[in-house]
């Protein structure tokens, strides 16, 4: 088995992505989660660039990672100054990180036009920096920036730059496709050429500007690289970095002869926790999941076509390339107008009505009719579940609406939103008023006030997402809208849907479904 080292740079390179901003606590949480899964290296940032990164390394020094090596990132010494006198070198050493990653110029164009030094001075900067840090007892990883572009333009000089780093003591030479413009054929060819020039392990660091970051990483590994850098979920500047989730899953499950992640020393396992890790980072970054993300996305093993569902229920591998559980994901069956009876049966199994052919046909007809009106059940499994109960005659509502009212008042300042709901719970009439950030939030608050005394389980339920979409935009302000609400409790999450010309009524329908689903579930 060939051991492939995993180097995560979510906390630095990933943080450069648009809309990504980690607090100090966020960075510490992610670092320790990566550590628990057995990643080899966790890069924390550039301690000279901002106080937050400097404090991050101080916190890790107080409580070191157990399995992973913390890496501080920096650049080669400045021109015309010794490494020992460079403030950047001092900050890297002060970080107390056991590993220091140094980025240096490979492309002669970048050396002369961007960095503004001679080719010889650049080689000295690389060698002096790596050598100095090694003398201080640190492991040094050398990231060769613009490596593939530089090699294509001037392979002789590109080779000299990595030779300078290798001879100075760098433990790993990482080839960076910084602009993300290389093809797998280029990656394979140049990786092999680079391997012939130095006697040090090679690593790969790719960007996704051509949608090839994962493919290029795997191509370089196939050509001899034994160290791969990337980010969780592919976060990063421009189009992002190589998604380590996909790289690891492919190496562990799709390719023979590779060992990845230190599962023996990890606390919670490795590959089977990739979905959990992916969603954990999305949550910390306050970002939505990427539904179609390979291996771990909610749609990765989702089946919508009736023919597909019919086949998967018989033989899972007919339309699934791996067992979803291998990466901690799960199969999902979607319901839409494209569904066949197989979809309905698969989702209705828990109600023990799958053998009622007439009922299955009735449910399918209702789905088709409702979708024709603008409903969509793919992200509204809670509403679909209630539809099945109603069709089967097993649904009993927990409350009955008498009326609701919302109002928004603004007298030149912040608008004040108020909602009133009047409900029947059994024979009791409940009349409650609440304020909120908007009509839906106010309705939710008033509804909960009316229900909480009877249904305490609602205390652990929260609304986590609210989406509105215009269905027939040609109708302008009279257009029908679809509202989808996502809710969550301590066990799972579910979606509900409402459709109406009035956005408040559509929201009320989705809101009531979300609460009824929770109460039925309990």
Protein backbone atom coordinates (compact mmCIF):
# COMPACT_ATOMS: atom_id res chain seq x y z
CA UNK A 1 0.00 0.00 0.00
CA UNK A 2 1.25 3.49 -0.87
CA UNK A 3 0.65 5.96 1.95
CA UNK A 4 -0.69 9.30 0.67
CA UNK A 5 -0.27 12.21 3.07
CA UNK A 6 -3.24 14.56 3.38
CA UNK A 7 -2.51 18.25 3.89
CA UNK A 8 -5.52 20.46 4.65
CA UNK A 9 -5.36 24.18 3.92
CA UNK A 10 -9.02 25.06 4.54
CA UNK A 11 -8.04 27.52 7.26
CA UNK A 12 -5.75 29.52 4.96
CA UNK A 13 -6.32 28.84 1.26
CA UNK A 14 -9.97 27.95 1.85
CA UNK A 15 -10.52 31.15 3.83
CA UNK A 16 -9.53 33.13 0.72
CA UNK A 17 -12.73 32.00 -0.99
CA UNK A 18 -15.44 34.57 -1.57
CA UNK A 19 -17.90 34.68 1.33
CA UNK A 20 -15.68 32.58 3.64
CA UNK A 21 -14.64 34.11 6.94
CA UNK A 22 -13.53 32.02 9.91
CA UNK A 23 -13.30 33.36 13.44
CA UNK A 24 -10.52 32.20 15.74
CA UNK A 25 -12.91 29.77 17.42
CA UNK A 26 -14.05 28.50 14.01
CA UNK A 27 -10.47 27.74 13.02
CA UNK A 28 -9.75 25.91 16.25
CA UNK A 29 -12.91 23.80 15.94
CA UNK A 30 -12.14 22.81 12.36
CA UNK A 31 -8.49 22.07 13.13
CA UNK A 32 -9.43 19.72 15.96
CA UNK A 33 -12.07 17.99 13.85
CA UNK A 34 -9.48 17.37 11.12
CA UNK A 35 -7.08 16.14 13.78
CA UNK A 36 -9.66 13.66 15.09
CA UNK A 37 -10.07 12.18 11.59
CA UNK A 38 -6.37 11.55 11.12
CA UNK A 39 -5.33 14.22 8.59
CA UNK A 40 -1.55 14.34 8.38
CA UNK A 41 -1.13 18.13 8.21
CA UNK A 42 -3.41 21.04 9.14
CA UNK A 43 -2.29 24.42 7.88
CA UNK A 44 -3.46 27.21 10.15
CA UNK A 45 -2.46 30.37 8.30
CA UNK A 46 0.28 32.98 7.98
CA UNK A 47 1.08 34.26 11.51
CA UNK A 48 2.57 37.53 10.22
CA UNK A 49 -0.53 38.48 8.22
CA UNK A 50 -3.00 39.07 11.07
CA UNK A 51 -3.33 38.74 14.87
CA UNK A 52 -5.99 36.02 14.55
CA UNK A 53 -3.59 33.61 12.82
CA UNK A 54 -0.86 34.38 15.34
CA UNK A 55 -3.25 33.67 18.21
CA UNK A 56 -4.41 30.47 16.52
CA UNK A 57 -0.91 29.03 16.77
CA UNK A 58 -0.58 30.19 20.36
CA UNK A 59 -3.75 28.26 21.24
CA UNK A 60 -2.44 25.14 19.49
CA UNK A 61 0.86 25.43 21.32
CA UNK A 62 -1.06 25.41 24.62
CA UNK A 63 -3.06 22.35 23.56
CA UNK A 64 -1.33 20.61 20.62
CA UNK A 65 -3.10 18.48 18.04
CA UNK A 66 -2.98 14.75 18.77
CA UNK A 67 -2.68 13.16 15.32
CA UNK A 68 -2.06 15.97 12.83
CA UNK A 69 0.95 18.25 12.49
CA UNK A 70 0.13 21.95 12.62
CA UNK A 71 1.65 23.96 9.77
CA UNK A 72 2.43 27.67 9.64
CA UNK A 73 2.54 29.19 6.17
CA UNK A 74 5.01 31.79 4.95
CA UNK A 75 7.06 33.07 2.03
CA UNK A 76 10.73 33.05 1.18
CA UNK A 77 12.88 35.76 2.74
CA UNK A 78 12.72 39.20 1.21
CA UNK A 79 15.33 40.22 -1.32
CA UNK A 80 18.48 41.83 0.00
CA UNK A 81 18.10 40.57 3.58
CA UNK A 82 19.23 37.44 5.37
CA UNK A 83 16.69 34.87 6.48
CA UNK A 84 17.75 35.34 10.10
CA UNK A 85 16.90 39.05 9.90
CA UNK A 86 13.60 38.65 8.07
CA UNK A 87 10.54 39.50 10.17
CA UNK A 88 8.57 36.81 8.35
CA UNK A 89 10.97 34.11 9.51
CA UNK A 90 10.72 35.36 13.09
CA UNK A 91 6.91 35.16 13.05
CA UNK A 92 7.03 31.62 11.67
CA UNK A 93 9.39 30.49 14.40
CA UNK A 94 7.41 32.31 17.10
CA UNK A 95 4.31 30.38 16.02
CA UNK A 96 5.91 27.24 17.52
CA UNK A 97 4.37 25.24 14.67
CA UNK A 98 6.34 22.00 14.19
CA UNK A 99 5.98 22.28 10.40
CA UNK A 100 6.52 25.37 8.27
CA UNK A 101 5.34 25.57 4.69
CA UNK A 102 7.25 27.97 2.50
CA UNK A 103 5.98 29.15 -0.88
CA UNK A 104 8.52 30.22 -3.49
CA UNK A 105 8.57 31.28 -7.12
CA UNK A 106 9.06 28.67 -9.85
CA UNK A 107 8.18 30.63 -12.97
CA UNK A 108 10.95 32.82 -14.39
CA UNK A 109 8.22 35.24 -15.49
CA UNK A 110 6.99 35.67 -11.91
CA UNK A 111 10.54 35.97 -10.59
CA UNK A 112 11.53 38.84 -12.86
CA UNK A 113 8.20 40.58 -13.54
CA UNK A 114 6.24 40.08 -10.31
CA UNK A 115 8.84 39.53 -7.60
CA UNK A 116 11.31 41.83 -9.33
CA UNK A 117 14.54 39.97 -8.61
CA UNK A 118 17.09 38.12 -10.69
CA UNK A 119 16.78 34.41 -11.31
CA UNK A 120 19.89 33.80 -9.23
CA UNK A 121 18.61 35.83 -6.29
CA UNK A 122 15.35 33.86 -6.28
CA UNK A 123 17.29 30.60 -6.00
CA UNK A 124 19.25 32.06 -3.09
CA UNK A 125 16.05 33.22 -1.39
CA UNK A 126 14.61 29.70 -1.62
CA UNK A 127 17.73 27.96 -0.38
CA UNK A 128 18.45 30.46 2.42
CA UNK A 129 14.88 30.35 3.74
CA UNK A 130 14.49 26.57 3.75
CA UNK A 131 17.98 26.06 5.14
CA UNK A 132 17.52 28.56 7.95
CA UNK A 133 14.22 27.07 9.11
CA UNK A 134 15.62 23.53 8.97
CA UNK A 135 18.56 24.65 11.09
CA UNK A 136 16.03 25.86 13.66
CA UNK A 137 14.70 22.31 13.96
CA UNK A 138 11.51 22.72 11.94
CA UNK A 139 10.21 20.40 9.25
CA UNK A 140 9.89 22.42 6.05
CA UNK A 141 7.44 21.74 3.23
CA UNK A 142 8.20 23.69 0.06
CA UNK A 143 5.29 24.83 -2.13
CA UNK A 144 6.53 25.56 -5.65
CA UNK A 145 4.15 28.27 -6.84
CA UNK A 146 3.06 28.31 -10.52
CA UNK A 147 5.05 25.12 -10.87
CA UNK A 148 3.36 23.64 -13.94
CA UNK A 149 3.16 26.94 -15.85
CA UNK A 150 6.76 27.65 -14.93
CA UNK A 151 7.89 24.19 -16.04
CA UNK A 152 6.17 24.55 -19.40
CA UNK A 153 7.85 27.93 -19.99
CA UNK A 154 11.34 27.13 -18.69
CA UNK A 155 11.79 23.59 -17.40
CA UNK A 156 15.50 24.05 -16.69
CA UNK A 157 14.94 26.96 -14.32
CA UNK A 158 11.86 25.39 -12.72
CA UNK A 159 13.97 22.34 -11.93
CA UNK A 160 16.66 24.52 -10.36
CA UNK A 161 14.11 26.07 -7.95
CA UNK A 162 12.93 22.76 -6.53
CA UNK A 163 16.51 21.48 -6.43
CA UNK A 164 17.43 24.51 -4.32
CA UNK A 165 14.65 23.72 -1.84
CA UNK A 166 15.47 20.00 -1.77
CA UNK A 167 19.19 20.54 -1.23
CA UNK A 168 18.47 23.01 1.59
CA UNK A 169 16.52 20.37 3.49
CA UNK A 170 12.83 20.60 2.50
CA UNK A 171 11.15 17.30 3.37
CA UNK A 172 8.50 17.50 0.65
CA UNK A 173 8.41 19.41 -2.62
CA UNK A 174 4.85 20.38 -3.55
CA UNK A 175 4.01 21.15 -7.18
CA UNK A 176 1.35 23.87 -7.35
CA UNK A 177 -1.05 24.41 -10.24
CA UNK A 178 -1.64 27.93 -8.94
CA UNK A 179 -3.74 29.25 -11.82
CA UNK A 180 -5.69 26.00 -12.11
CA UNK A 181 -5.19 25.84 -15.87
CA UNK A 182 -3.35 22.55 -16.34
CA UNK A 183 -4.81 19.38 -17.81
CA UNK A 184 -4.29 15.89 -16.35
CA UNK A 185 -1.98 14.95 -19.22
CA UNK A 186 0.27 17.92 -18.34
CA UNK A 187 0.18 16.99 -14.66
CA UNK A 188 1.25 13.40 -15.29
CA UNK A 189 4.06 14.32 -17.68
CA UNK A 190 5.55 17.09 -15.54
CA UNK A 191 5.22 15.13 -12.27
CA UNK A 192 7.32 12.37 -13.80
CA UNK A 193 9.88 14.85 -15.12
CA UNK A 194 10.14 16.57 -11.73
CA UNK A 195 10.61 13.24 -9.97
CA UNK A 196 13.68 12.60 -12.12
CA UNK A 197 15.31 15.87 -10.98
CA UNK A 198 15.17 15.51 -7.18
CA UNK A 199 15.43 12.76 -4.60
CA UNK A 200 12.61 14.00 -2.38
CA UNK A 201 8.91 13.07 -2.07
CA UNK A 202 6.59 15.09 -4.31
CA UNK A 203 3.27 16.62 -3.37
CA UNK A 204 0.46 18.14 -5.44
CA UNK A 205 -1.57 21.32 -4.87
CA UNK A 206 -4.23 22.13 -7.48
CA UNK A 207 -6.88 24.76 -8.10
CA UNK A 208 -10.23 24.20 -9.77
CA UNK A 209 -10.37 26.86 -12.48
CA UNK A 210 -10.89 24.21 -15.18
CA UNK A 211 -13.05 21.93 -12.95
CA UNK A 212 -10.09 19.54 -12.84
CA UNK A 213 -8.57 20.03 -9.40
CA UNK A 214 -9.54 16.59 -8.08
CA UNK A 215 -8.70 14.88 -11.38
CA UNK A 216 -5.32 16.62 -11.50
CA UNK A 217 -4.56 15.66 -7.91
CA UNK A 218 -5.34 12.00 -8.63
CA UNK A 219 -3.33 12.15 -11.87
CA UNK A 220 -0.26 13.44 -10.05
CA UNK A 221 -0.60 10.73 -7.39
CA UNK A 222 -0.83 8.10 -10.12
CA UNK A 223 2.39 9.56 -11.54
CA UNK A 224 4.23 9.34 -8.22
CA UNK A 225 3.15 12.14 -5.86
CA UNK A 226 2.67 10.92 -2.27
CA UNK A 227 1.33 14.08 -0.63
CA UNK A 228 -1.87 15.94 -1.58
CA UNK A 229 -3.01 19.40 -0.53
CA UNK A 230 -6.52 20.80 -0.71
CA UNK A 231 -9.48 22.08 1.27
CA UNK A 232 -12.68 20.62 2.67
CA UNK A 233 -15.51 21.09 0.15
CA UNK A 234 -13.08 22.69 -2.29
CA UNK A 235 -13.28 26.12 -0.65
CA UNK A 236 -10.77 28.62 -1.99
CA UNK A 237 -10.00 31.63 -4.13
CA UNK A 238 -11.68 32.02 -7.53
CA UNK A 239 -13.11 28.57 -8.37
CA UNK A 240 -11.62 26.95 -5.29
CA UNK A 241 -9.04 24.30 -4.45
CA UNK A 242 -9.04 20.55 -4.84
CA UNK A 243 -11.81 19.14 -2.67
CA UNK A 244 -10.05 16.84 -0.22
CA UNK A 245 -13.35 15.09 0.47
CA UNK A 246 -13.44 13.77 -3.11
CA UNK A 247 -9.70 13.13 -3.29
CA UNK A 248 -9.76 11.03 -0.11
CA UNK A 249 -12.92 9.14 -1.08
CA UNK A 250 -11.51 8.27 -4.50
CA UNK A 251 -8.19 7.09 -3.08
CA UNK A 252 -9.81 5.07 -0.32
CA UNK A 253 -12.75 3.57 -2.21
CA UNK A 254 -12.10 3.74 -5.95
CA UNK A 255 -8.37 3.14 -6.40
CA UNK A 256 -6.41 0.11 -5.28
CA UNK A 257 -3.08 0.26 -3.50
CA UNK A 258 -3.45 3.53 -1.57
CA UNK A 259 -3.75 4.21 2.13
CA UNK A 260 -5.10 7.57 3.25
CA UNK A 261 -5.85 9.19 6.63
CA UNK A 262 -4.47 7.83 9.87
CA UNK A 263 -7.51 5.80 10.85
CA UNK A 264 -5.61 3.90 13.52
CA UNK A 265 -4.91 6.98 15.60
CA UNK A 266 -8.12 8.86 14.86
CA UNK A 267 -10.81 9.10 17.53
CA UNK A 268 -13.91 8.80 15.36
CA UNK A 269 -12.88 6.92 12.24
CA UNK A 270 -12.02 8.30 8.85
CA UNK A 271 -13.62 7.84 5.43
CA UNK A 272 -17.05 6.91 6.76
CA UNK A 273 -17.15 10.32 8.46
CA UNK A 274 -16.48 12.41 5.33
CA UNK A 275 -20.12 13.49 4.98
CA UNK A 276 -20.18 14.58 8.61
CA UNK A 277 -16.91 16.50 8.13
CA UNK A 278 -18.14 18.19 4.95
CA UNK A 279 -21.35 19.41 6.57
CA UNK A 280 -19.54 20.41 9.75
CA UNK A 281 -17.30 22.79 7.78
CA UNK A 282 -20.29 24.18 5.86
CA UNK A 283 -22.06 24.86 9.15
CA UNK A 284 -19.01 26.51 10.72
CA UNK A 285 -18.57 28.67 7.60
CA UNK A 286 -22.31 29.48 7.61
CA UNK A 287 -22.65 28.20 4.05
CA UNK A 288 -25.33 26.08 2.39
CA UNK A 289 -24.48 22.50 1.45
CA UNK A 290 -23.64 21.99 -2.22
CA UNK A 291 -26.40 19.51 -3.09
CA UNK A 292 -24.64 17.93 -6.05
CA UNK A 293 -21.25 17.60 -4.33
CA UNK A 294 -19.74 14.22 -5.13
CA UNK A 295 -19.84 11.55 -2.42
CA UNK A 296 -21.21 13.73 0.39
CA UNK A 297 -23.83 16.04 -1.14
CA UNK A 298 -27.50 15.50 -0.27
CA UNK A 299 -28.12 14.67 -3.95
CA UNK A 300 -25.13 12.35 -4.37
CA UNK A 301 -27.32 9.28 -3.87
CA UNK A 302 -30.72 10.82 -4.60
CA UNK A 303 -32.98 9.04 -7.09
CA UNK A 304 -35.86 10.73 -8.88
CA UNK A 305 -36.70 8.72 -12.00
CA UNK A 306 -39.10 5.86 -11.35
CA UNK A 307 -37.00 3.43 -13.39
CA UNK A 308 -33.93 4.25 -11.30
CA UNK A 309 -35.73 3.78 -8.00
CA UNK A 310 -37.25 0.50 -9.17
CA UNK A 311 -33.75 -0.78 -10.00
CA UNK A 312 -32.03 0.55 -6.86
CA UNK A 313 -34.56 -1.07 -4.55
CA UNK A 314 -33.64 -4.41 -6.15
CA UNK A 315 -29.88 -3.98 -6.59
CA UNK A 316 -28.32 -0.85 -5.08
CA UNK A 317 -25.28 -0.94 -7.37
CA UNK A 318 -27.50 -0.59 -10.44
CA UNK A 319 -27.46 3.20 -10.01
CA UNK A 320 -24.99 3.77 -7.16
CA UNK A 321 -21.22 3.56 -7.66
CA UNK A 322 -20.57 2.92 -3.95
CA UNK A 323 -22.56 2.18 -0.81
CA UNK A 324 -23.56 5.66 0.50
CA UNK A 325 -22.73 4.53 4.03
CA UNK A 326 -19.06 4.12 3.03
CA UNK A 327 -18.73 7.92 3.23
CA UNK A 328 -21.43 8.44 5.85
CA UNK A 329 -24.08 9.53 3.35
CA UNK A 330 -27.52 8.02 2.69
CA UNK A 331 -29.80 7.13 -0.18
CA UNK A 332 -32.69 9.50 -0.86
CA UNK A 333 -35.74 8.81 -3.00
CA UNK A 334 -37.29 11.93 -4.51
CA UNK A 335 -40.90 12.46 -5.44
CA UNK A 336 -41.95 14.50 -8.46
CA UNK A 337 -44.06 14.30 -11.58
CA UNK A 338 -41.28 12.14 -13.04
CA UNK A 339 -41.74 9.57 -10.29
CA UNK A 340 -43.21 6.16 -10.81
CA UNK A 341 -44.94 3.90 -8.33
CA UNK A 342 -41.49 2.66 -7.21
CA UNK A 343 -40.68 6.07 -5.71
CA UNK A 344 -43.97 6.18 -3.84
CA UNK A 345 -43.52 2.64 -2.55
CA UNK A 346 -39.95 3.34 -1.41
CA UNK A 347 -41.01 6.38 0.59
CA UNK A 348 -44.27 4.90 1.88
CA UNK A 349 -42.67 1.75 3.28
CA UNK A 350 -42.45 3.13 6.81
CA UNK A 351 -46.23 3.57 6.80
CA UNK A 352 -46.79 -0.11 5.87
CA UNK A 353 -49.10 0.82 3.00
CA UNK A 354 -46.79 -0.15 0.12
CA UNK A 355 -48.89 -3.20 -0.79
CA UNK A 356 -52.03 -1.12 -1.37
CA UNK A 357 -51.84 -0.62 -5.14
CA UNK A 358 -54.91 1.60 -5.26
CA UNK A 359 -53.51 3.85 -2.53
CA UNK A 360 -50.15 4.06 -4.30
CA UNK A 361 -51.87 5.17 -7.50
CA UNK A 362 -53.90 7.74 -5.55
CA UNK A 363 -50.77 9.19 -3.93
CA UNK A 364 -48.95 9.36 -7.25
CA UNK A 365 -51.92 11.16 -8.86
CA UNK A 366 -51.99 13.68 -6.02
CA UNK A 367 -48.26 14.33 -6.40
CA UNK A 368 -48.62 14.93 -10.13
CA UNK A 369 -51.66 17.20 -9.64
CA UNK A 370 -50.01 19.21 -6.88
CA UNK A 371 -46.78 19.65 -8.81
CA UNK A 372 -48.84 20.93 -11.70
CA UNK A 373 -50.08 23.62 -9.29
CA UNK A 374 -46.51 24.53 -8.33
CA UNK A 375 -45.76 22.21 -5.44
CA UNK A 376 -42.41 20.43 -5.34
CA UNK A 377 -41.69 17.59 -2.93
CA UNK A 378 -38.00 16.93 -3.64
CA UNK A 379 -36.97 19.19 -0.75
CA UNK A 380 -40.23 18.76 1.19
CA UNK A 381 -40.19 15.23 2.54
CA UNK A 382 -42.15 16.38 5.59
CA UNK A 383 -45.08 17.56 3.46
CA UNK A 384 -44.95 14.37 1.42
CA UNK A 385 -45.03 12.27 4.56
CA UNK A 386 -48.18 14.08 5.69
CA UNK A 387 -49.68 13.64 2.21
CA UNK A 388 -49.26 9.87 2.54
CA UNK A 389 -50.86 9.89 6.00
CA UNK A 390 -53.82 11.91 4.73
CA UNK A 391 -54.29 9.62 1.73
CA UNK A 392 -54.10 6.54 3.94
CA UNK A 393 -56.54 8.01 6.47
CA UNK A 394 -54.03 7.83 9.33
CA UNK A 395 -53.51 11.57 9.78
CA UNK A 396 -55.08 13.38 12.72
CA UNK A 397 -54.23 17.09 12.99
CA UNK A 398 -52.99 18.24 16.38
CA UNK A 399 -54.68 21.64 16.12
CA UNK A 400 -57.17 23.53 13.96
CA UNK A 401 -56.78 27.09 12.70
CA UNK A 402 -59.60 29.45 13.46
CA UNK A 403 -57.86 32.50 12.03
CA UNK A 404 -54.55 34.29 11.82
CA UNK A 405 -53.68 37.94 11.24
CA UNK A 406 -50.42 39.73 10.52
CA UNK A 407 -49.62 43.43 10.45
CA UNK A 408 -46.56 45.51 9.68
CA UNK A 409 -46.42 49.07 11.01
CA UNK A 410 -43.74 51.62 10.24
CA UNK A 411 -43.75 55.23 11.38
CA UNK A 412 -40.49 56.34 9.87
CA UNK A 413 -38.33 53.98 11.88
CA UNK A 414 -37.85 50.23 12.01
CA UNK A 415 -40.99 48.35 10.95
CA UNK A 416 -42.81 46.46 13.70
CA UNK A 417 -44.34 43.12 12.67
CA UNK A 418 -47.06 41.47 14.74
CA UNK A 419 -49.00 38.25 14.27
CA UNK A 420 -52.13 36.96 15.97
CA UNK A 421 -53.26 33.32 15.80
CA UNK A 422 -56.46 31.75 17.09
CA UNK A 423 -56.36 27.93 17.33
CA UNK A 424 -58.47 25.08 18.58
CA UNK A 425 -56.47 22.41 20.41
CA UNK A 426 -59.03 19.78 21.22
CA UNK A 427 -61.91 21.75 22.71
CA UNK A 428 -59.70 24.59 23.96
CA UNK A 429 -59.49 27.92 22.13
CA UNK A 430 -56.07 29.57 22.21
CA UNK A 431 -55.54 33.18 21.15
CA UNK A 432 -51.92 34.39 21.09
CA UNK A 433 -50.00 37.45 19.84
CA UNK A 434 -46.28 37.72 19.08
CA UNK A 435 -43.84 40.05 17.37
CA UNK A 436 -41.12 38.98 14.93
CA UNK A 437 -38.56 40.10 12.41
CA UNK A 438 -41.15 39.61 9.67
CA UNK A 439 -44.62 38.13 9.14
CA UNK A 440 -43.44 34.52 8.98
CA UNK A 441 -41.22 34.85 12.04
CA UNK A 442 -44.06 36.50 13.94
CA UNK A 443 -46.54 33.78 12.88
CA UNK A 444 -44.08 31.11 13.99
CA UNK A 445 -43.66 32.79 17.37
CA UNK A 446 -47.40 33.17 17.92
CA UNK A 447 -48.09 29.60 16.82
CA UNK A 448 -45.49 28.25 19.22
CA UNK A 449 -46.89 30.29 22.10
CA UNK A 450 -50.28 28.68 21.47
CA UNK A 451 -48.87 25.14 21.17
CA UNK A 452 -45.96 24.92 23.60
CA UNK A 453 -48.09 24.26 26.68
CA UNK A 454 -49.57 21.20 24.99
CA UNK A 455 -46.57 20.01 22.97
CA UNK A 456 -43.27 20.62 24.83
CA UNK A 457 -41.31 18.65 22.18
CA UNK A 458 -41.56 21.76 19.96
CA UNK A 459 -38.96 23.40 22.19
CA UNK A 460 -36.16 21.48 20.47
CA UNK A 461 -37.41 22.33 16.96
CA UNK A 462 -36.15 25.30 14.99
CA UNK A 463 -36.58 26.73 11.50
CA UNK A 464 -33.21 26.82 9.75
CA UNK A 465 -34.06 27.94 6.21
CA UNK A 466 -36.86 29.76 4.38
CA UNK A 467 -37.02 30.01 0.60
CA UNK A 468 -39.53 31.73 -1.69
CA UNK A 469 -39.75 31.18 -5.42
CA UNK A 470 -42.12 32.77 -7.93
CA UNK A 471 -43.72 30.03 -10.04
CA UNK A 472 -45.58 31.90 -12.79
CA UNK A 473 -43.65 35.14 -13.14
CA UNK A 474 -45.82 36.25 -16.09
CA UNK A 475 -48.55 37.08 -13.58
CA UNK A 476 -46.34 39.81 -12.07
CA UNK A 477 -47.50 40.81 -8.56
CA UNK A 478 -50.37 38.26 -8.74
CA UNK A 479 -47.94 35.41 -9.37
CA UNK A 480 -48.17 32.18 -7.43
CA UNK A 481 -45.26 31.55 -5.07
CA UNK A 482 -43.78 28.41 -3.56
CA UNK A 483 -42.41 28.58 -0.02
CA UNK A 484 -40.07 25.86 1.27
CA UNK A 485 -39.18 25.76 4.94
CA UNK A 486 -36.42 23.58 6.38
CA UNK A 487 -36.74 22.62 10.04
CA UNK A 488 -34.50 20.73 12.42
CA UNK A 489 -34.54 19.14 15.84
CA UNK A 490 -31.95 17.21 17.76
CA UNK A 491 -32.41 14.11 15.59
CA UNK A 492 -32.90 15.12 11.95
CA UNK A 493 -34.09 17.79 9.52
CA UNK A 494 -37.05 17.96 7.15
CA UNK A 495 -38.56 20.23 4.54
CA UNK A 496 -42.14 21.36 4.02
CA UNK A 497 -43.80 23.28 1.19
CA UNK A 498 -46.73 25.63 0.65
CA UNK A 499 -48.04 27.22 -2.57
CA UNK A 500 -50.40 30.18 -2.96
CA UNK A 501 -50.78 33.55 -4.68
CA UNK A 502 -50.38 35.10 -1.22
CA UNK A 503 -46.88 34.59 0.15
CA UNK A 504 -48.13 34.70 3.75
CA UNK A 505 -50.67 31.93 3.11
CA UNK A 506 -48.03 29.83 1.33
CA UNK A 507 -45.72 30.39 4.29
CA UNK A 508 -48.45 29.45 6.77
CA UNK A 509 -49.09 26.16 4.95
CA UNK A 510 -45.40 25.24 4.99
CA UNK A 511 -45.09 26.34 8.63
CA UNK A 512 -48.06 24.26 9.79
CA UNK A 513 -46.76 21.22 7.90
CA UNK A 514 -43.36 21.59 9.57
CA UNK A 515 -44.92 21.57 13.04
CA UNK A 516 -47.41 18.79 12.25
CA UNK A 517 -44.59 16.64 10.88
CA UNK A 518 -42.60 17.16 14.06
CA UNK A 519 -45.58 16.24 16.25
CA UNK A 520 -46.45 13.18 14.15
CA UNK A 521 -42.82 12.11 14.17
CA UNK A 522 -42.71 12.22 17.96
